[in-house]
């Protein structure tokens, strides 16, 4: 009887105690046909914020004109489908390849690079060894004057000053899966 009362008391205590809330980000499956793109623009509630999550390539769409690419950027606001005037972030580009000639034996080579206002700034050399389909964690931190981009153990600081920052994600010619995508105040 004492054991039953103790068990009931423990159950009530667990039920009455609030459980810690886990803040999980969103999942977005950015799936586009060859030679097409999709765009997701998310508003930033604060002037300084952090964007974090994971991205991975799931499928290459065969194309003779374009390679699969995804861009995650903090940018100025612009009309849907148009390039922003200012942006900073990273790109993941996937180039189809002969699996016998790639270091990983995969049918593609993926390259991570930093981007600033539409131009690739610097490619990460070790990203060439990463197999397509590998989950790539990322963080972009914006303080109102610069974006700090973290990809794996690499960090790059890119200048950016925009009055109305947004988070812009664009993918093309493939399927890229985003998980735990979140925007939080700094």
Protein backbone atom coordinates (compact mmCIF):
# COMPACT_ATOMS: atom_id res chain seq x y z
CA UNK A 1 0.00 0.00 0.00
CA UNK A 2 2.84 2.38 0.88
CA UNK A 3 4.48 1.56 -2.44
CA UNK A 4 1.25 2.34 -4.28
CA UNK A 5 0.87 5.68 -2.47
CA UNK A 6 4.53 6.54 -3.18
CA UNK A 7 4.04 5.68 -6.84
CA UNK A 8 0.91 7.84 -7.03
CA UNK A 9 2.70 10.76 -5.32
CA UNK A 10 5.62 10.49 -7.75
CA UNK A 11 3.23 10.39 -10.71
CA UNK A 12 1.40 13.50 -9.48
CA UNK A 13 4.69 15.32 -8.94
CA UNK A 14 5.78 14.57 -12.51
CA UNK A 15 2.40 15.61 -13.87
CA UNK A 16 2.41 18.89 -11.91
CA UNK A 17 6.01 19.83 -12.84
CA UNK A 18 6.28 21.67 -16.12
CA UNK A 19 8.54 19.91 -18.58
CA UNK A 20 11.24 22.02 -20.21
CA UNK A 21 10.15 23.13 -23.68
CA UNK A 22 12.40 22.11 -26.53
CA UNK A 23 12.56 24.76 -29.22
CA UNK A 24 12.78 22.82 -32.45
CA UNK A 25 13.18 24.66 -35.72
CA UNK A 26 11.20 24.12 -38.88
CA UNK A 27 11.78 21.53 -41.57
CA UNK A 28 11.64 22.62 -45.20
CA UNK A 29 12.06 20.27 -48.15
CA UNK A 30 13.20 22.57 -50.96
CA UNK A 31 12.53 20.37 -53.98
CA UNK A 32 12.90 21.91 -57.44
CA UNK A 33 12.92 20.50 -60.94
CA UNK A 34 15.90 20.92 -63.25
CA UNK A 35 16.44 24.53 -64.35
CA UNK A 36 13.97 25.91 -61.77
CA UNK A 37 14.34 27.47 -58.32
CA UNK A 38 12.38 27.89 -55.12
CA UNK A 39 12.74 30.72 -52.66
CA UNK A 40 11.82 31.10 -49.01
CA UNK A 41 12.06 34.57 -47.46
CA UNK A 42 11.66 34.82 -43.70
CA UNK A 43 11.35 38.11 -41.84
CA UNK A 44 13.73 38.92 -39.01
CA UNK A 45 11.90 40.17 -35.93
CA UNK A 46 14.98 41.84 -34.40
CA UNK A 47 17.72 43.97 -35.99
CA UNK A 48 20.32 41.48 -34.73
CA UNK A 49 19.60 37.76 -34.88
CA UNK A 50 20.97 34.26 -35.43
CA UNK A 51 19.88 31.85 -38.16
CA UNK A 52 20.80 28.22 -37.59
CA UNK A 53 19.94 24.81 -38.92
CA UNK A 54 21.10 21.93 -41.09
CA UNK A 55 20.97 21.41 -44.84
CA UNK A 56 21.61 18.34 -46.93
CA UNK A 57 21.34 17.43 -50.57
CA UNK A 58 18.88 14.60 -51.20
CA UNK A 59 18.52 14.51 -55.01
CA UNK A 60 20.28 16.03 -58.02
CA UNK A 61 17.99 17.08 -60.88
CA UNK A 62 19.76 16.40 -64.19
CA UNK A 63 20.38 19.58 -66.17
CA UNK A 64 22.63 20.65 -69.02
CA UNK A 65 22.35 24.34 -68.04
CA UNK A 66 22.59 24.56 -64.23
CA UNK A 67 24.15 22.73 -61.29
CA UNK A 68 22.17 22.09 -58.10
CA UNK A 69 22.74 24.91 -55.63
CA UNK A 70 21.30 26.20 -52.38
CA UNK A 71 21.99 29.62 -50.86
CA UNK A 72 21.32 30.72 -47.29
CA UNK A 73 21.72 34.46 -46.88
CA UNK A 74 20.86 37.43 -44.78
CA UNK A 75 19.89 40.11 -47.23
CA UNK A 76 18.03 43.30 -47.90
CA UNK A 77 14.36 42.89 -48.64
CA UNK A 78 13.42 42.63 -52.33
CA UNK A 79 10.52 41.55 -54.50
CA UNK A 80 10.02 37.76 -54.83
CA UNK A 81 12.22 36.25 -57.54
CA UNK A 82 14.57 39.25 -57.73
CA UNK A 83 18.08 39.43 -56.36
CA UNK A 84 18.58 41.57 -53.27
CA UNK A 85 20.86 44.61 -53.47
CA UNK A 86 22.97 43.39 -50.54
CA UNK A 87 23.44 39.92 -49.06
CA UNK A 88 25.89 37.73 -47.16
CA UNK A 89 25.82 34.02 -46.39
CA UNK A 90 26.86 30.74 -47.97
CA UNK A 91 26.20 28.50 -50.97
CA UNK A 92 26.27 24.74 -51.34
CA UNK A 93 26.92 23.82 -54.98
CA UNK A 94 26.79 20.24 -56.24
CA UNK A 95 28.59 19.25 -59.42
CA UNK A 96 27.78 15.85 -61.00
CA UNK A 97 30.94 13.78 -61.47
CA UNK A 98 32.27 10.37 -62.40
CA UNK A 99 32.23 8.38 -59.10
CA UNK A 100 35.51 6.66 -60.07
CA UNK A 101 37.25 10.04 -60.12
CA UNK A 102 35.90 11.63 -56.93
CA UNK A 103 37.75 11.37 -53.59
CA UNK A 104 34.64 10.04 -51.85
CA UNK A 105 33.47 7.74 -54.66
CA UNK A 106 30.22 9.71 -54.86
CA UNK A 107 28.50 10.62 -58.15
CA UNK A 108 28.86 14.33 -57.34
CA UNK A 109 31.17 16.79 -55.62
CA UNK A 110 29.67 19.35 -53.27
CA UNK A 111 31.37 22.63 -52.51
CA UNK A 112 30.57 25.03 -49.70
CA UNK A 113 31.44 28.65 -50.30
CA UNK A 114 30.82 32.01 -48.69
CA UNK A 115 28.82 34.50 -50.71
CA UNK A 116 28.56 38.25 -50.55
CA UNK A 117 26.13 40.16 -52.78
CA UNK A 118 25.83 37.33 -55.29
CA UNK A 119 29.53 36.53 -55.63
CA UNK A 120 31.32 33.49 -54.26
CA UNK A 121 33.98 34.77 -51.92
CA UNK A 122 35.86 31.68 -50.82
CA UNK A 123 35.36 27.95 -51.22
CA UNK A 124 36.05 25.65 -48.31
CA UNK A 125 38.67 23.10 -49.41
CA UNK A 126 37.60 20.27 -47.11
CA UNK A 127 34.02 20.51 -48.34
CA UNK A 128 35.17 18.77 -51.54
CA UNK A 129 35.67 15.61 -49.50
CA UNK A 130 32.15 15.64 -48.05
CA UNK A 131 29.78 13.20 -49.70
CA UNK A 132 26.52 14.58 -51.09
CA UNK A 133 23.73 13.80 -48.65
CA UNK A 134 25.87 14.70 -45.64
CA UNK A 135 24.08 16.90 -43.12
CA UNK A 136 25.78 20.31 -43.10
CA UNK A 137 25.14 22.36 -39.91
CA UNK A 138 25.27 26.14 -40.28
CA UNK A 139 24.87 29.35 -38.29
CA UNK A 140 24.59 32.92 -39.56
CA UNK A 141 24.77 35.64 -36.93
CA UNK A 142 23.85 39.23 -37.88
CA UNK A 143 24.63 42.21 -35.64
CA UNK A 144 23.54 45.07 -37.92
CA UNK A 145 26.93 45.59 -39.56
CA UNK A 146 28.27 42.13 -40.37
CA UNK A 147 27.31 38.49 -40.81
CA UNK A 148 29.33 35.80 -39.10
CA UNK A 149 28.90 32.56 -41.06
CA UNK A 150 29.82 29.29 -39.35
CA UNK A 151 30.03 26.11 -41.45
CA UNK A 152 31.39 23.17 -39.48
CA UNK A 153 34.57 24.50 -37.84
CA UNK A 154 35.03 27.35 -40.33
CA UNK A 155 33.96 30.92 -39.53
CA UNK A 156 33.92 33.83 -41.96
CA UNK A 157 32.95 37.45 -41.20
CA UNK A 158 31.25 39.28 -44.09
CA UNK A 159 30.29 42.98 -43.98
CA UNK A 160 26.58 43.73 -44.41
CA UNK A 161 24.49 46.76 -43.46
CA UNK A 162 20.82 46.66 -44.38
CA UNK A 163 17.90 48.49 -42.82
CA UNK A 164 15.35 45.72 -43.33
CA UNK A 165 17.17 42.37 -43.07
CA UNK A 166 15.47 39.13 -44.11
CA UNK A 167 16.62 35.52 -44.28
CA UNK A 168 16.59 34.36 -47.89
CA UNK A 169 16.93 30.69 -48.85
CA UNK A 170 17.08 29.77 -52.53
CA UNK A 171 17.51 26.30 -54.01
CA UNK A 172 17.72 25.21 -57.62
CA UNK A 173 17.92 22.05 -59.70
CA UNK A 174 17.66 19.54 -56.87
CA UNK A 175 16.17 18.62 -53.53
CA UNK A 176 17.71 20.12 -50.40
CA UNK A 177 16.32 19.27 -46.97
CA UNK A 178 16.49 21.85 -44.18
CA UNK A 179 16.03 20.71 -40.58
CA UNK A 180 16.01 22.62 -37.29
CA UNK A 181 15.89 25.91 -39.21
CA UNK A 182 15.37 28.71 -36.70
CA UNK A 183 15.76 32.47 -36.30
CA UNK A 184 16.42 33.71 -32.77
CA UNK A 185 17.31 37.12 -31.31
CA UNK A 186 21.00 37.65 -30.51
